[in-house]
Amino acid sequence: LDTSSRGEGEEKKRLLEVSSEQFGEHVGIDLRKLERAGKESFRSVRRYLSAASAPQWVYYAAGCLVCLCIQVDKYPQTSVRMHIASQVPPGQGVSSSASLEIAII
């Protein structure tokens, strides 16, 4: 992930950085593109995440961030980092996705 400072006149890249202890993955999503998609529709957010080859678990984190940003009518102006660590087993019918969403919001 390139989060280094840019030259004069260039903006620093804003990222949603999400890591999962359970899946051992770290994903960086461009917040500007996520913001543009979020201002269109949730379907646009899904299309953007799919085109960015984001793992399915990242959709929950990104979707919650978009929902929160829509509610407060503001998107982060800096990068956002989320680290997910849980003992709730995914895909076992115990609402791991709902637990993740509540923890993020």
N, C-alpha and C. Protein backbone atom coordinates (compact mmCIF):
# COMPACT_ATOMS: atom_id res chain seq x y z
N LEU A 1 0.84 -1.18 0.00
CA LEU A 1 0.00 0.00 0.00
C LEU A 1 0.87 1.23 0.00
N ASP A 2 0.56 2.16 -0.86
CA ASP A 2 1.33 3.39 -0.93
C ASP A 2 0.59 4.49 -0.19
N THR A 3 1.05 4.80 1.02
CA THR A 3 0.44 5.87 1.81
C THR A 3 1.47 6.98 2.05
N SER A 4 2.52 6.99 1.25
CA SER A 4 3.56 8.00 1.43
C SER A 4 3.08 9.38 1.00
N SER A 5 3.80 10.39 1.46
CA SER A 5 3.44 11.75 1.08
C SER A 5 3.69 11.96 -0.40
N ARG A 6 2.93 12.83 -0.99
CA ARG A 6 3.06 13.15 -2.41
C ARG A 6 3.87 14.42 -2.57
N GLY A 7 4.25 14.69 -3.80
CA GLY A 7 4.97 15.93 -4.11
C GLY A 7 4.03 17.12 -3.97
N GLU A 8 4.58 18.29 -4.09
CA GLU A 8 3.78 19.51 -3.97
C GLU A 8 2.66 19.51 -5.00
N GLY A 9 1.45 19.84 -4.56
CA GLY A 9 0.31 19.89 -5.46
C GLY A 9 -0.42 18.57 -5.60
N GLU A 10 0.18 17.49 -5.08
CA GLU A 10 -0.47 16.18 -5.14
C GLU A 10 -1.05 15.84 -3.78
N GLU A 11 -2.22 15.21 -3.78
CA GLU A 11 -2.86 14.82 -2.53
C GLU A 11 -2.37 13.46 -2.07
N LYS A 12 -2.37 13.28 -0.76
CA LYS A 12 -2.05 11.98 -0.19
C LYS A 12 -3.24 11.06 -0.42
N LYS A 13 -2.97 9.82 -0.77
CA LYS A 13 -4.03 8.86 -1.03
C LYS A 13 -4.76 8.52 0.27
N ARG A 14 -6.09 8.57 0.23
CA ARG A 14 -6.92 8.19 1.38
C ARG A 14 -7.36 6.74 1.19
N LEU A 15 -7.09 5.92 2.19
CA LEU A 15 -7.42 4.51 2.09
C LEU A 15 -8.29 4.05 3.25
N LEU A 16 -9.12 3.07 2.97
CA LEU A 16 -9.74 2.27 4.01
C LEU A 16 -8.87 1.03 4.07
N GLU A 17 -8.11 0.90 5.16
CA GLU A 17 -7.24 -0.25 5.34
C GLU A 17 -7.89 -1.18 6.35
N VAL A 18 -8.18 -2.40 5.91
CA VAL A 18 -8.87 -3.36 6.76
C VAL A 18 -8.02 -4.63 6.84
N SER A 19 -7.76 -5.06 8.06
CA SER A 19 -7.03 -6.32 8.22
C SER A 19 -7.87 -7.26 9.09
N SER A 20 -7.73 -8.53 8.79
CA SER A 20 -8.47 -9.55 9.53
C SER A 20 -7.49 -10.54 10.13
N GLU A 21 -7.53 -10.65 11.43
CA GLU A 21 -6.70 -11.63 12.12
C GLU A 21 -7.12 -13.04 11.75
N GLN A 22 -8.43 -13.25 11.66
CA GLN A 22 -8.98 -14.58 11.38
C GLN A 22 -8.61 -15.08 9.98
N PHE A 23 -8.67 -14.17 8.98
CA PHE A 23 -8.38 -14.57 7.60
C PHE A 23 -6.92 -14.31 7.21
N GLY A 24 -6.18 -13.58 8.06
CA GLY A 24 -4.78 -13.29 7.77
C GLY A 24 -4.61 -12.43 6.54
N GLU A 25 -5.54 -11.51 6.33
CA GLU A 25 -5.50 -10.66 5.14
C GLU A 25 -5.46 -9.19 5.53
N HIS A 26 -4.88 -8.38 4.64
CA HIS A 26 -4.85 -6.92 4.78
C HIS A 26 -5.24 -6.35 3.43
N VAL A 27 -6.26 -5.48 3.42
CA VAL A 27 -6.79 -4.95 2.17
C VAL A 27 -6.83 -3.43 2.24
N GLY A 28 -6.44 -2.78 1.17
CA GLY A 28 -6.52 -1.32 1.07
C GLY A 28 -7.51 -0.94 -0.02
N ILE A 29 -8.49 -0.13 0.34
CA ILE A 29 -9.53 0.33 -0.60
C ILE A 29 -9.41 1.85 -0.73
N ASP A 30 -9.45 2.34 -1.95
CA ASP A 30 -9.36 3.78 -2.20
C ASP A 30 -10.63 4.47 -1.68
N LEU A 31 -10.48 5.33 -0.67
CA LEU A 31 -11.64 5.99 -0.07
C LEU A 31 -12.33 6.96 -1.03
N ARG A 32 -11.58 7.60 -1.92
CA ARG A 32 -12.22 8.52 -2.88
C ARG A 32 -13.18 7.77 -3.80
N LYS A 33 -12.73 6.61 -4.27
CA LYS A 33 -13.58 5.80 -5.14
C LYS A 33 -14.77 5.23 -4.36
N LEU A 34 -14.52 4.82 -3.12
CA LEU A 34 -15.60 4.30 -2.29
C LEU A 34 -16.62 5.40 -2.02
N GLU A 35 -16.15 6.61 -1.77
CA GLU A 35 -17.05 7.76 -1.55
C GLU A 35 -17.90 8.05 -2.78
N ARG A 36 -17.27 8.06 -3.95
CA ARG A 36 -18.03 8.29 -5.20
C ARG A 36 -19.11 7.24 -5.39
N ALA A 37 -18.73 5.98 -5.16
CA ALA A 37 -19.70 4.88 -5.31
C ALA A 37 -20.82 5.02 -4.27
N GLY A 38 -20.47 5.37 -3.04
CA GLY A 38 -21.45 5.51 -1.97
C GLY A 38 -22.44 6.62 -2.22
N LYS A 39 -22.01 7.66 -2.90
CA LYS A 39 -22.91 8.77 -3.21
C LYS A 39 -23.88 8.40 -4.33
N GLU A 40 -23.54 7.36 -5.09
CA GLU A 40 -24.44 6.87 -6.15
C GLU A 40 -25.49 5.93 -5.58
N SER A 41 -25.03 4.78 -5.07
CA SER A 41 -25.94 3.76 -4.54
C SER A 41 -25.13 2.65 -3.88
N PHE A 42 -25.81 1.84 -3.09
CA PHE A 42 -25.13 0.69 -2.48
C PHE A 42 -24.74 -0.33 -3.54
N ARG A 43 -25.50 -0.40 -4.59
CA ARG A 43 -25.15 -1.29 -5.70
C ARG A 43 -23.82 -0.86 -6.32
N SER A 44 -23.60 0.45 -6.42
CA SER A 44 -22.33 0.97 -6.94
C SER A 44 -21.18 0.62 -6.00
N VAL A 45 -21.43 0.64 -4.72
CA VAL A 45 -20.40 0.25 -3.74
C VAL A 45 -20.02 -1.21 -3.96
N ARG A 46 -21.01 -2.09 -4.11
CA ARG A 46 -20.73 -3.51 -4.36
C ARG A 46 -19.95 -3.70 -5.66
N ARG A 47 -20.34 -2.96 -6.71
CA ARG A 47 -19.63 -3.07 -7.99
C ARG A 47 -18.18 -2.63 -7.84
N TYR A 48 -17.95 -1.53 -7.11
CA TYR A 48 -16.58 -1.04 -6.92
C TYR A 48 -15.75 -2.08 -6.15
N LEU A 49 -16.28 -2.61 -5.07
CA LEU A 49 -15.54 -3.59 -4.28
C LEU A 49 -15.26 -4.85 -5.08
N SER A 50 -16.22 -5.26 -5.89
CA SER A 50 -16.02 -6.43 -6.74
C SER A 50 -14.92 -6.16 -7.77
N ALA A 51 -14.95 -4.99 -8.39
CA ALA A 51 -13.94 -4.63 -9.39
C ALA A 51 -12.55 -4.51 -8.75
N ALA A 52 -12.52 -4.12 -7.47
CA ALA A 52 -11.25 -3.99 -6.75
C ALA A 52 -10.77 -5.34 -6.21
N SER A 53 -11.52 -6.40 -6.49
CA SER A 53 -11.20 -7.76 -6.03
C SER A 53 -11.10 -7.86 -4.51
N ALA A 54 -11.95 -7.11 -3.82
CA ALA A 54 -11.97 -7.17 -2.36
C ALA A 54 -12.60 -8.48 -1.90
N PRO A 55 -12.04 -9.10 -0.86
CA PRO A 55 -12.67 -10.30 -0.31
C PRO A 55 -14.06 -9.96 0.25
N GLN A 56 -14.93 -10.95 0.28
CA GLN A 56 -16.30 -10.72 0.73
C GLN A 56 -16.40 -10.11 2.13
N TRP A 57 -15.52 -10.50 3.04
CA TRP A 57 -15.59 -9.97 4.40
C TRP A 57 -15.35 -8.47 4.44
N VAL A 58 -14.62 -7.93 3.46
CA VAL A 58 -14.35 -6.49 3.40
C VAL A 58 -15.62 -5.71 3.05
N TYR A 59 -16.55 -6.35 2.33
CA TYR A 59 -17.80 -5.69 1.97
C TYR A 59 -18.54 -5.20 3.22
N TYR A 60 -18.49 -5.99 4.30
CA TYR A 60 -19.17 -5.61 5.54
C TYR A 60 -18.55 -4.35 6.14
N ALA A 61 -17.23 -4.32 6.23
CA ALA A 61 -16.54 -3.16 6.81
C ALA A 61 -16.78 -1.92 5.95
N ALA A 62 -16.62 -2.06 4.63
CA ALA A 62 -16.80 -0.92 3.73
C ALA A 62 -18.25 -0.45 3.73
N GLY A 63 -19.18 -1.39 3.71
CA GLY A 63 -20.60 -1.03 3.71
C GLY A 63 -20.99 -0.27 4.97
N CYS A 64 -20.47 -0.71 6.12
CA CYS A 64 -20.77 -0.01 7.38
C CYS A 64 -20.19 1.40 7.36
N LEU A 65 -18.98 1.54 6.85
CA LEU A 65 -18.37 2.87 6.77
C LEU A 65 -19.20 3.78 5.87
N VAL A 66 -19.63 3.27 4.72
CA VAL A 66 -20.46 4.07 3.80
C VAL A 66 -21.77 4.47 4.47
N CYS A 67 -22.42 3.53 5.15
CA CYS A 67 -23.68 3.85 5.85
C CYS A 67 -23.47 4.94 6.89
N LEU A 68 -22.41 4.83 7.67
CA LEU A 68 -22.12 5.83 8.68
C LEU A 68 -21.85 7.19 8.04
N CYS A 69 -21.09 7.20 6.96
CA CYS A 69 -20.78 8.45 6.27
C CYS A 69 -22.02 9.10 5.68
N ILE A 70 -22.93 8.30 5.15
CA ILE A 70 -24.18 8.83 4.61
C ILE A 70 -25.00 9.46 5.75
N GLN A 71 -25.03 8.81 6.90
CA GLN A 71 -25.80 9.33 8.03
C GLN A 71 -25.28 10.68 8.53
N VAL A 72 -23.96 10.83 8.57
CA VAL A 72 -23.38 12.09 9.07
C VAL A 72 -23.06 13.06 7.94
N ASP A 73 -23.33 12.63 6.71
CA ASP A 73 -23.09 13.45 5.51
C ASP A 73 -21.65 13.94 5.42
N LYS A 74 -20.71 13.03 5.71
CA LYS A 74 -19.30 13.38 5.64
C LYS A 74 -18.47 12.11 5.52
N TYR A 75 -17.44 12.16 4.68
CA TYR A 75 -16.52 11.05 4.53
C TYR A 75 -15.17 11.43 5.15
N PRO A 76 -14.40 10.45 5.61
CA PRO A 76 -13.10 10.74 6.22
C PRO A 76 -12.17 11.47 5.24
N GLN A 77 -11.42 12.41 5.75
CA GLN A 77 -10.48 13.15 4.92
C GLN A 77 -9.07 12.60 5.06
N THR A 78 -8.92 11.57 5.88
CA THR A 78 -7.65 10.86 6.04
C THR A 78 -7.93 9.37 5.91
N SER A 79 -6.88 8.59 5.88
CA SER A 79 -7.05 7.13 5.82
C SER A 79 -7.72 6.62 7.09
N VAL A 80 -8.40 5.49 6.95
CA VAL A 80 -9.08 4.83 8.07
C VAL A 80 -8.51 3.42 8.16
N ARG A 81 -8.13 3.03 9.37
CA ARG A 81 -7.61 1.67 9.57
C ARG A 81 -8.53 0.91 10.50
N MET A 82 -8.86 -0.31 10.10
CA MET A 82 -9.66 -1.22 10.94
C MET A 82 -8.92 -2.54 11.04
N HIS A 83 -8.81 -3.04 12.25
CA HIS A 83 -8.24 -4.36 12.46
C HIS A 83 -9.33 -5.21 13.11
N ILE A 84 -9.64 -6.30 12.49
CA ILE A 84 -10.74 -7.15 12.96
C ILE A 84 -10.17 -8.41 13.59
N ALA A 85 -10.51 -8.59 14.86
CA ALA A 85 -10.13 -9.80 15.59
C ALA A 85 -11.38 -10.27 16.31
N SER A 86 -11.74 -11.53 16.11
CA SER A 86 -12.98 -12.03 16.69
C SER A 86 -12.88 -13.50 17.00
N GLN A 87 -13.65 -13.91 17.98
CA GLN A 87 -13.75 -15.33 18.29
C GLN A 87 -15.06 -15.91 17.78
N VAL A 88 -15.86 -15.07 17.10
CA VAL A 88 -17.11 -15.53 16.51
C VAL A 88 -16.76 -16.23 15.20
N PRO A 89 -17.09 -17.52 15.06
CA PRO A 89 -16.72 -18.25 13.84
C PRO A 89 -17.54 -17.80 12.63
N PRO A 90 -16.87 -17.48 11.51
CA PRO A 90 -17.60 -17.06 10.31
C PRO A 90 -18.31 -18.24 9.64
N GLY A 91 -19.47 -17.97 9.07
CA GLY A 91 -20.17 -18.97 8.29
C GLY A 91 -20.78 -20.11 9.09
N GLN A 92 -20.99 -19.93 10.36
CA GLN A 92 -21.52 -21.01 11.20
C GLN A 92 -22.95 -20.74 11.65
N GLY A 93 -23.58 -19.69 11.12
CA GLY A 93 -24.96 -19.40 11.47
C GLY A 93 -25.12 -18.74 12.83
N VAL A 94 -24.07 -18.08 13.30
CA VAL A 94 -24.15 -17.42 14.60
C VAL A 94 -24.03 -15.89 14.46
N SER A 95 -24.40 -15.38 13.30
CA SER A 95 -24.45 -13.94 13.05
C SER A 95 -23.09 -13.25 13.15
N SER A 96 -22.06 -13.87 12.61
CA SER A 96 -20.73 -13.24 12.63
C SER A 96 -20.73 -11.94 11.84
N SER A 97 -21.47 -11.88 10.74
CA SER A 97 -21.51 -10.65 9.94
C SER A 97 -22.24 -9.54 10.70
N ALA A 98 -23.33 -9.86 11.38
CA ALA A 98 -24.05 -8.86 12.18
C ALA A 98 -23.16 -8.38 13.32
N SER A 99 -22.41 -9.28 13.96
CA SER A 99 -21.50 -8.89 15.03
C SER A 99 -20.45 -7.91 14.52
N LEU A 100 -19.92 -8.19 13.35
CA LEU A 100 -18.92 -7.32 12.75
C LEU A 100 -19.52 -5.94 12.45
N GLU A 101 -20.69 -5.93 11.87
CA GLU A 101 -21.35 -4.65 11.53
C GLU A 101 -21.60 -3.82 12.77
N ILE A 102 -22.11 -4.42 13.83
CA ILE A 102 -22.38 -3.69 15.07
C ILE A 102 -21.09 -3.15 15.66
N ALA A 103 -20.03 -3.94 15.65
CA ALA A 103 -18.74 -3.49 16.19
C ALA A 103 -18.19 -2.29 15.42
N ILE A 104 -18.39 -2.27 14.12
CA ILE A 104 -17.86 -1.18 13.30
C ILE A 104 -18.69 0.09 13.50
N ILE A 105 -20.00 -0.05 13.52
CA ILE A 105 -20.85 1.14 13.65
C ILE A 105 -20.82 1.61 15.08
